[in-house]
Protein backbone atom coordinates (compact mmCIF):
# COMPACT_ATOMS: atom_id res chain seq x y z
CA UNK A 1 33.31 5.69 21.10
CA UNK A 2 32.86 3.98 24.43
CA UNK A 3 29.70 2.04 25.22
CA UNK A 4 28.51 4.87 27.46
CA UNK A 5 28.92 7.34 24.60
CA UNK A 6 27.16 5.00 22.14
CA UNK A 7 24.32 4.55 24.64
CA UNK A 8 23.94 8.32 24.81
CA UNK A 9 23.94 8.68 21.03
CA UNK A 10 21.37 5.89 20.67
CA UNK A 11 19.01 7.52 23.15
CA UNK A 12 19.45 10.86 21.42
CA UNK A 13 18.59 9.33 18.05
CA UNK A 14 15.34 7.96 19.46
CA UNK A 15 14.40 11.24 21.14
CA UNK A 16 15.44 13.33 18.12
CA UNK A 17 13.36 11.15 15.78
CA UNK A 18 10.38 11.35 18.14
CA UNK A 19 7.53 13.24 16.49
CA UNK A 20 5.39 13.53 19.59
CA UNK A 21 4.53 9.95 20.49
CA UNK A 22 5.64 8.18 17.35
CA UNK A 23 9.11 7.88 15.88
CA UNK A 24 10.26 8.22 12.27
CA UNK A 25 12.89 5.70 11.14
CA UNK A 26 15.18 8.56 10.11
CA UNK A 27 14.54 12.13 9.05
CA UNK A 28 14.34 12.89 5.34
CA UNK A 29 14.44 9.38 3.88
CA UNK A 30 11.52 8.04 5.94
CA UNK A 31 9.46 10.96 7.34
CA UNK A 32 6.42 8.95 8.54
CA UNK A 33 5.55 6.23 11.04
CA UNK A 34 6.56 2.79 9.81
CA UNK A 35 4.94 -0.30 11.29
CA UNK A 36 7.62 -2.73 12.39
CA UNK A 37 10.13 0.08 12.83
CA UNK A 38 7.91 1.55 15.54
CA UNK A 39 7.57 -1.73 17.40
CA UNK A 40 11.32 -2.33 17.53
CA UNK A 41 11.76 1.31 18.53
CA UNK A 42 9.42 0.67 21.46
CA UNK A 43 11.76 -2.05 22.64
CA UNK A 44 14.61 0.48 22.62
CA UNK A 45 12.61 3.13 24.47
CA UNK A 46 11.77 0.51 27.10
CA UNK A 47 15.39 0.56 28.26
CA UNK A 48 14.99 4.12 29.55
CA UNK A 49 11.37 5.29 29.19
CA UNK A 50 8.69 2.61 29.54
CA UNK A 51 5.77 5.02 29.18
CA UNK A 52 7.17 6.21 25.86
CA UNK A 53 7.63 2.58 24.75
CA UNK A 54 3.96 1.80 25.28
CA UNK A 55 2.95 5.04 23.61
CA UNK A 56 4.84 4.13 20.43
CA UNK A 57 2.82 0.95 19.98
CA UNK A 58 -0.45 2.57 21.02
CA UNK A 59 -0.04 5.27 18.36
CA UNK A 60 0.72 2.64 15.73
CA UNK A 61 -2.58 0.93 16.48
CA UNK A 62 -4.41 4.26 16.16
CA UNK A 63 -4.05 3.65 12.42
CA UNK A 64 -5.55 0.14 12.43
CA UNK A 65 -8.01 -0.40 9.60
CA UNK A 66 -11.62 -1.39 10.15
CA UNK A 67 -10.85 -4.88 8.83
CA UNK A 68 -8.02 -5.33 11.36
CA UNK A 69 -5.01 -4.57 9.16
CA UNK A 70 -2.27 -2.37 10.61
CA UNK A 71 -0.67 -0.49 7.68
CA UNK A 72 3.01 -0.41 6.91
CA UNK A 73 3.04 3.41 6.77
CA UNK A 74 0.87 5.94 8.61
CA UNK A 75 0.89 9.28 6.79
CA UNK A 76 0.32 11.50 9.80
CA UNK A 77 1.29 14.53 7.73
CA UNK A 78 1.89 15.23 4.05
CA UNK A 79 5.63 15.36 3.49
CA UNK A 80 6.70 16.03 -0.12
CA UNK A 81 10.15 14.55 0.60
CA UNK A 82 8.69 11.02 0.39
CA UNK A 83 7.29 9.05 -2.56
CA UNK A 84 4.82 7.36 -2.90
CA UNK A 85 2.65 9.44 -0.61
CA UNK A 86 -1.00 9.03 0.39
CA UNK A 87 -2.45 10.22 -2.93
CA UNK A 88 -0.70 7.39 -4.77
CA UNK A 89 -2.02 4.71 -2.43
CA UNK A 90 -5.62 5.94 -2.50
CA UNK A 91 -6.72 4.06 0.62
CA UNK A 92 -9.70 4.66 2.89
CA UNK A 93 -9.49 1.77 5.32
CA UNK A 94 -8.72 3.50 8.59
CA UNK A 95 -8.76 6.74 10.53
CA UNK A 96 -5.30 7.90 9.37
CA UNK A 97 -4.16 8.14 5.72
CA UNK A 98 -1.96 5.12 5.09
CA UNK A 99 -0.43 2.67 2.68
CA UNK A 100 -2.59 -0.27 1.59
CA UNK A 101 -0.80 -3.29 3.02
CA UNK A 102 0.85 -4.35 6.26
CA UNK A 103 4.33 -5.34 7.51
CA UNK A 104 5.85 -8.08 9.71
CA UNK A 105 3.69 -8.38 12.87
CA UNK A 106 6.21 -8.19 15.70
CA UNK A 107 3.90 -6.30 18.07
CA UNK A 108 2.70 -9.25 20.18
CA UNK A 109 6.29 -10.31 20.82
CA UNK A 110 7.40 -6.87 21.92
CA UNK A 111 4.30 -6.26 24.05
CA UNK A 112 5.10 -9.49 25.86
CA UNK A 113 8.68 -8.22 26.29
CA UNK A 114 7.40 -4.94 27.74
CA UNK A 115 5.38 -6.84 30.32
CA UNK A 116 8.46 -8.85 31.25
CA UNK A 117 10.29 -5.59 31.87
CA UNK A 118 7.40 -3.92 33.71
CA UNK A 119 4.66 -6.01 35.33
CA UNK A 120 2.94 -3.06 37.02
CA UNK A 121 -0.84 -2.76 37.04
CA UNK A 122 -0.55 0.19 34.65
CA UNK A 123 1.44 -1.92 32.17
CA UNK A 124 -1.06 -4.76 32.41
CA UNK A 125 -3.89 -2.32 31.71
CA UNK A 126 -2.13 -1.03 28.60
CA UNK A 127 -1.49 -4.57 27.39
CA UNK A 128 -5.16 -5.45 27.93
CA UNK A 129 -6.21 -2.54 25.71
CA UNK A 130 -3.79 -3.61 22.98
CA UNK A 131 -4.62 -7.32 23.12
CA UNK A 132 -7.88 -7.29 21.09
CA UNK A 133 -6.29 -5.03 18.48
CA UNK A 134 -3.34 -7.37 18.02
CA UNK A 135 -5.70 -10.35 17.92
CA UNK A 136 -7.73 -8.67 15.18
CA UNK A 137 -4.55 -7.95 13.22
CA UNK A 138 -3.43 -11.60 13.41
CA UNK A 139 -6.94 -12.66 12.37
CA UNK A 140 -6.61 -10.40 9.32
CA UNK A 141 -3.31 -12.06 8.34
CA UNK A 142 -4.77 -15.54 8.66
CA UNK A 143 -7.87 -14.64 6.64
CA UNK A 144 -6.41 -12.53 3.85
CA UNK A 145 -2.79 -13.59 3.54
CA UNK A 146 -3.57 -17.30 3.84
CA UNK A 147 -7.00 -17.47 2.19
CA UNK A 148 -6.63 -21.15 1.25
CA UNK A 149 -5.57 -22.28 4.73
CA UNK A 150 -2.15 -23.47 3.56
CA UNK A 151 -0.43 -22.43 6.77
CA UNK A 152 1.94 -20.05 5.01
CA UNK A 153 1.58 -16.28 4.96
CA UNK A 154 1.78 -14.45 1.67
CA UNK A 155 2.70 -10.88 0.86
CA UNK A 156 0.90 -8.92 -1.85
CA UNK A 157 3.81 -6.52 -2.34
CA UNK A 158 7.56 -6.82 -1.70
CA UNK A 159 7.23 -3.89 0.70
CA UNK A 160 4.79 -5.87 2.85
CA UNK A 161 7.57 -8.33 3.67
CA UNK A 162 9.70 -5.51 5.08
CA UNK A 163 12.52 -6.82 2.86
CA UNK A 164 11.71 -4.81 -0.23
CA UNK A 165 14.09 -5.87 -3.00
CA UNK A 166 15.07 -9.31 -1.72
CA UNK A 167 16.14 -11.60 -4.58
CA UNK A 168 13.35 -13.99 -3.54
CA UNK A 169 10.85 -11.60 -5.12
CA UNK A 170 12.65 -11.23 -8.46
CA UNK A 171 10.93 -14.03 -10.36
CA UNK A 172 7.41 -13.16 -9.22
CA UNK A 173 8.07 -9.47 -9.77
CA UNK A 174 9.08 -10.10 -13.38
CA UNK A 175 5.58 -11.47 -13.91
CA UNK A 176 4.00 -8.15 -12.90
CA UNK A 177 2.95 -6.16 -15.96
CA UNK A 178 4.05 -2.54 -15.78
CA UNK A 179 0.89 -0.52 -16.31
CA UNK A 180 -1.27 2.23 -14.83
CA UNK A 181 1.82 4.01 -13.52
CA UNK A 182 1.83 7.79 -13.91
CA UNK A 183 5.16 9.59 -14.39
CA UNK A 184 6.88 9.84 -11.03
CA UNK A 185 10.01 11.11 -9.36
CA UNK A 186 11.67 8.93 -6.75
CA UNK A 187 12.77 10.69 -3.57
CA UNK A 188 14.81 7.92 -1.93
CA UNK A 189 17.76 8.28 -4.29
CA UNK A 190 18.08 11.95 -3.41
CA UNK A 191 18.79 10.91 0.20
CA UNK A 192 20.84 7.75 -0.40
CA UNK A 193 23.34 6.57 -3.02
CA UNK A 194 21.26 4.92 -5.81
CA UNK A 195 23.70 1.98 -5.76
CA UNK A 196 22.29 1.11 -2.32
CA UNK A 197 18.61 1.27 -3.37
CA UNK A 198 16.24 -0.80 -5.56
CA UNK A 199 16.43 -0.34 -9.34
CA UNK A 200 13.93 1.79 -11.29
CA UNK A 201 12.39 -1.26 -13.00
CA UNK A 202 11.66 -2.62 -9.53
CA UNK A 203 9.90 0.63 -8.61
CA UNK A 204 7.83 0.53 -11.82
CA UNK A 205 6.51 -2.87 -10.79
CA UNK A 206 6.05 -1.84 -7.15
CA UNK A 207 3.79 0.97 -8.34
CA UNK A 208 1.98 -1.32 -10.78
CA UNK A 209 1.04 -3.58 -7.85
CA UNK A 210 -0.25 -0.57 -5.93
CA UNK A 211 -2.33 0.46 -8.95
CA UNK A 212 -3.83 -3.04 -9.28
CA UNK A 213 -4.85 -3.09 -5.62
CA UNK A 214 -6.18 0.45 -5.80
CA UNK A 215 -8.45 -0.68 -8.67
CA UNK A 216 -10.25 -3.13 -6.36
CA UNK A 217 -10.50 -0.55 -3.59
CA UNK A 218 -7.98 -2.36 -1.39
CA UNK A 219 -10.71 -4.84 -0.41
CA UNK A 220 -8.64 -7.57 1.25
CA UNK A 221 -10.41 -10.60 -0.24
CA UNK A 222 -10.27 -9.17 -3.76
CA UNK A 223 -6.63 -8.19 -3.29
CA UNK A 224 -5.73 -11.73 -2.20
CA UNK A 225 -7.44 -13.22 -5.24
CA UNK A 226 -6.46 -10.73 -7.95
CA UNK A 227 -3.18 -9.09 -6.95
CA UNK A 228 -0.47 -9.81 -9.56
CA UNK A 229 2.01 -10.54 -6.76
CA UNK A 230 1.15 -13.14 -4.09
CA UNK A 231 4.21 -14.82 -2.61
CA UNK A 232 4.44 -16.92 0.55
CA UNK A 233 7.19 -15.47 2.69
CA UNK A 234 9.15 -17.41 5.33
CA UNK A 235 9.92 -14.11 7.07
CA UNK A 236 6.29 -13.10 7.62
CA UNK A 237 5.27 -16.71 8.31
CA UNK A 238 7.91 -17.21 10.99
CA UNK A 239 7.43 -13.79 12.58
CA UNK A 240 3.65 -14.32 12.75
CA UNK A 241 4.06 -17.84 14.12
CA UNK A 242 6.31 -16.49 16.86
CA UNK A 243 3.92 -13.60 17.48
CA UNK A 244 1.00 -16.02 17.84
CA UNK A 245 2.91 -17.99 20.47
CA UNK A 246 3.52 -14.73 22.32
CA UNK A 247 -0.10 -13.70 21.87
CA UNK A 248 -1.15 -17.01 23.41
CA UNK A 249 1.09 -16.33 26.40
CA UNK A 250 -0.40 -12.84 26.68
CA UNK A 251 -3.91 -14.31 26.57
CA UNK A 252 -3.04 -16.54 29.49
CA UNK A 253 -1.47 -13.71 31.47
CA UNK A 254 -4.27 -11.24 30.77
CA UNK A 255 -7.13 -13.67 31.31
CA UNK A 256 -8.21 -13.57 27.66
CA UNK A 257 -9.14 -17.26 27.68
CA UNK A 258 -11.80 -16.98 24.96
CA UNK A 259 -9.15 -16.19 22.37
CA UNK A 260 -6.88 -19.12 23.17
CA UNK A 261 -8.44 -21.85 20.99
CA UNK A 262 -8.40 -19.59 17.92
CA UNK A 263 -4.74 -18.66 18.42
CA UNK A 264 -3.80 -22.28 19.09
CA UNK A 265 -5.44 -23.18 15.77
CA UNK A 266 -3.33 -20.60 13.94
CA UNK A 267 -0.16 -21.94 15.54
CA UNK A 268 -0.99 -25.50 14.51
CA UNK A 269 -1.83 -24.39 10.96
CA UNK A 270 1.47 -22.57 10.48
CA UNK A 271 3.54 -25.29 12.14
CA UNK A 272 2.18 -27.73 9.59
CA UNK A 273 2.25 -25.29 6.70
CA UNK A 274 5.89 -24.27 7.14
CA UNK A 275 6.91 -27.54 5.46
CA UNK A 276 5.53 -26.14 2.19
CA UNK A 277 8.36 -23.58 2.22
CA UNK A 278 11.07 -26.16 2.78
CA UNK A 279 13.36 -26.43 -0.25
CA UNK A 280 14.68 -29.99 -0.08
CA UNK A 281 17.63 -29.25 -2.35
CA UNK A 282 18.79 -26.20 -0.40
CA UNK A 283 17.66 -27.61 2.95
CA UNK A 284 16.21 -24.30 4.03
CA UNK A 285 12.87 -22.52 4.09
CA UNK A 286 12.41 -20.24 1.09
CA UNK A 287 9.73 -18.11 -0.54
CA UNK A 288 7.10 -19.59 -2.86
CA UNK A 289 5.10 -17.86 -5.58
CA UNK A 290 1.55 -18.95 -4.76
CA UNK A 291 0.35 -18.04 -8.26
CA UNK A 292 2.74 -20.55 -9.87
CA UNK A 293 3.93 -22.82 -7.03
CA UNK A 294 7.56 -22.01 -7.80
CA UNK A 295 10.02 -21.83 -4.91
CA UNK A 296 12.90 -19.35 -4.71
CA UNK A 297 16.41 -20.74 -4.89
CA UNK A 298 18.39 -18.86 -2.23
CA UNK A 299 18.95 -18.83 1.51
CA UNK A 300 17.87 -15.49 2.96
CA UNK A 301 18.24 -14.16 6.48
CA UNK A 302 14.57 -15.08 6.96
CA UNK A 303 15.50 -18.74 6.54
CA UNK A 304 17.28 -18.43 9.89
CA UNK A 305 14.09 -17.33 11.66
CA UNK A 306 12.79 -20.92 11.92
CA UNK A 307 14.05 -21.32 15.53
CA UNK A 308 12.62 -17.89 16.39
CA UNK A 309 9.27 -19.28 15.23
CA UNK A 310 9.70 -22.25 17.55
CA UNK A 311 10.57 -24.85 14.90
CA UNK A 312 13.05 -27.17 16.61
CA UNK A 313 13.01 -30.29 14.44
CA UNK A 314 16.63 -31.53 14.11
CA UNK A 315 15.96 -31.99 10.38
CA UNK A 316 15.56 -28.20 10.23
CA UNK A 317 18.10 -27.07 12.83
CA UNK A 318 21.04 -29.18 11.66
CA UNK A 319 21.15 -27.87 8.06
CA UNK A 320 20.37 -24.37 9.33
CA UNK A 321 23.46 -24.47 11.53
CA UNK A 322 25.46 -25.75 8.57
CA UNK A 323 24.27 -22.82 6.45
CA UNK A 324 25.15 -20.48 9.32
CA UNK A 325 28.70 -21.82 9.49
CA UNK A 326 29.13 -21.84 5.69
CA UNK A 327 28.02 -18.22 5.39
CA UNK A 328 30.14 -17.15 8.38
CA UNK A 329 33.18 -18.43 6.49
CA UNK A 330 32.30 -16.26 3.47
CA UNK A 331 31.71 -12.87 5.11
CA UNK A 332 33.21 -11.00 8.05
CA UNK A 333 29.90 -9.97 9.67
CA UNK A 334 26.67 -11.93 10.07
CA UNK A 335 23.89 -12.23 8.99
CA UNK A 336 23.81 -11.05 5.39
CA UNK A 337 20.27 -10.63 4.12
CA UNK A 338 21.06 -13.01 1.26
CA UNK A 339 23.43 -15.89 0.69
CA UNK A 340 26.81 -14.47 -0.38
CA UNK A 341 27.30 -17.45 -2.68
CA UNK A 342 24.12 -16.70 -4.64
CA UNK A 343 24.49 -14.90 -7.96
CA UNK A 344 21.97 -12.22 -6.92
CA UNK A 345 23.90 -11.22 -3.80
CA UNK A 346 25.07 -7.57 -3.54
CA UNK A 347 26.76 -6.58 -0.32
CA UNK A 348 25.55 -2.95 -0.28
CA UNK A 349 22.19 -2.93 -2.10
CA UNK A 350 19.43 -2.78 0.48
CA UNK A 351 18.02 -6.31 1.06
CA UNK A 352 20.20 -8.11 -1.47
CA UNK A 353 23.08 -8.67 0.95
CA UNK A 354 23.53 -6.14 3.78
CA UNK A 355 23.23 -6.91 7.49
CA UNK A 356 20.24 -5.52 9.41
CA UNK A 357 20.47 -5.22 13.20
CA UNK A 358 16.84 -6.06 13.98
CA UNK A 359 16.94 -9.25 11.89
CA UNK A 360 20.09 -10.32 13.75
CA UNK A 361 18.22 -9.67 16.99
CA UNK A 362 15.42 -12.05 16.00
CA UNK A 363 17.71 -14.73 14.59
CA UNK A 364 19.91 -14.65 17.68
CA UNK A 365 16.92 -14.91 19.95
CA UNK A 366 15.77 -18.01 18.12
CA UNK A 367 19.17 -19.70 18.30
CA UNK A 368 19.47 -18.93 22.01
CA UNK A 369 16.04 -20.42 22.68
CA UNK A 370 16.98 -23.49 20.63
CA UNK A 371 19.96 -24.09 22.92
CA UNK A 372 22.64 -22.60 20.70
CA UNK A 373 24.16 -19.72 22.68
CA UNK A 374 27.38 -19.74 20.65
CA UNK A 375 25.79 -18.79 17.35
CA UNK A 376 23.43 -16.43 19.13
CA UNK A 377 26.31 -14.56 20.72
CA UNK A 378 28.21 -14.45 17.43
CA UNK A 379 25.31 -12.49 15.97
CA UNK A 380 25.22 -10.11 18.92
CA UNK A 381 28.96 -9.50 18.79
CA UNK A 382 28.89 -8.88 15.04
CA UNK A 383 25.99 -6.46 15.39
CA UNK A 384 27.80 -4.58 18.14
CA UNK A 385 30.98 -4.44 16.06
CA UNK A 386 29.11 -3.07 13.03
CA UNK A 387 27.55 -0.30 15.11
CA UNK A 388 30.83 0.49 16.86
CA UNK A 389 32.49 0.74 13.44
CA UNK A 390 29.81 2.36 11.29
CA UNK A 391 27.47 4.05 13.73
CA UNK A 392 23.69 3.76 13.78
CA UNK A 393 23.17 3.20 10.08
CA UNK A 394 20.14 1.61 8.44
CA UNK A 395 22.20 -1.41 7.36
CA UNK A 396 25.81 -2.52 6.86
CA UNK A 397 28.04 -4.38 4.46
CA UNK A 398 28.70 -7.90 5.75
CA UNK A 399 32.10 -7.75 4.08
CA UNK A 400 33.55 -4.36 5.03
CA UNK A 401 31.25 -3.05 7.81
CA UNK A 402 30.55 -0.01 5.61
CA UNK A 403 27.52 1.88 6.89
CA UNK A 404 24.79 2.12 4.24
CA UNK A 405 21.31 3.52 3.68
CA UNK A 406 19.98 6.13 6.07
CA UNK A 407 21.90 7.42 9.07
CA UNK A 408 20.82 8.08 12.67
CA UNK A 409 18.45 5.16 12.25
CA UNK A 410 15.90 4.55 14.97
CA UNK A 411 15.65 0.79 15.01
CA UNK A 412 19.42 0.33 14.87
CA UNK A 413 19.69 2.58 17.93
CA UNK A 414 16.88 0.63 19.60
CA UNK A 415 18.51 -2.74 18.94
CA UNK A 416 21.79 -1.45 20.37
CA UNK A 417 20.08 -0.42 23.59
CA UNK A 418 17.89 -3.50 23.92
CA UNK A 419 20.32 -6.22 22.88
CA UNK A 420 23.55 -5.53 21.00
CA UNK A 421 25.59 -3.46 23.45
CA UNK A 422 28.13 -5.48 25.45
CA UNK A 423 26.52 -4.76 28.81
CA UNK A 424 23.37 -6.54 27.63
CA UNK A 425 25.38 -9.73 27.18
CA UNK A 426 26.82 -9.34 30.68
CA UNK A 427 23.30 -8.98 32.11
CA UNK A 428 22.06 -12.00 30.19
CA UNK A 429 24.94 -14.08 31.53
């Protein structure tokens, strides 16, 4: 297909997946509103419908909990095609039935992008209404996902990271006792080849974590102290650090000066804390089990988000570029979600190897801002080639370009429109 045809298909995917102000990731497999999916989708809508872009984020924040958390799933309707649904989560934290934990907080970054695209008074008014909600969400992360002020952000469930079955979670997940799990029937494997999805034993532990948090009523302080899974994640840490920088810029633009010292404190805390995730043997940032202090032993795609977070120390950037070049020699398409030389790598199983367009978007942005346009453009070109070859799939094999997971996927379409298509590179130049 030509770029014009792909543009048309991408727009149609977004409008077809539109449920009246919010967008499902793809029909069938994911029939609800997902947190970071929606925010990336807003960036795609902004290329042809700015009002709809703002609306996507505004509807996401309709589900914000009283304590500030924005859930990873909003169950706006009961759809039996998805498991686990609202009855399994058993939450009562906000106005819309939801899951009990959050997802990577990209909203501040995308809201700032929307203002760059449209600086009208109406856009500024919408940003002003969102600002205190985003601030409260960041405050929740800093309070309940970094309760000991370490400067690293933990996840209480692999799903909270957005990278569900990443090998980085394997060791900590093995420590989760399987209990309090009623008999269940997975729905995901009826939509997608089971070879591309997490294993059943992973799901048993996922549900055991949910049960443990449900027992303490999803109270965030109790969850942070008692949850059987509490792992510092470079992905969440770097995305939140970047989002705080963007929130600070928004505060300046919107006249929210009272919030600036607090946000500056968060930035300083995470800049210092990121060193805790540095694996000196690998020379990359990795995950760390905060219950045991044990670091993971592989380079994930999140390791490459350090420049996106604004970390520009040559002692970080030089080995990161070396990892980039080493991995690019091992696979045809960048960036695999896990190191292809690691024993846990699988090129088609969800987050254990495949390429994800929105992660490439963030990594490329960081490299470009760090003065490395060559590696940034390599990521854009690879993402474009994967979409041109395999369509708007959920993810892709870094070896063969095989399309995997769900099809007609909203955030892949959004990333094509906002960044990956060749005309975007021409405009940037």
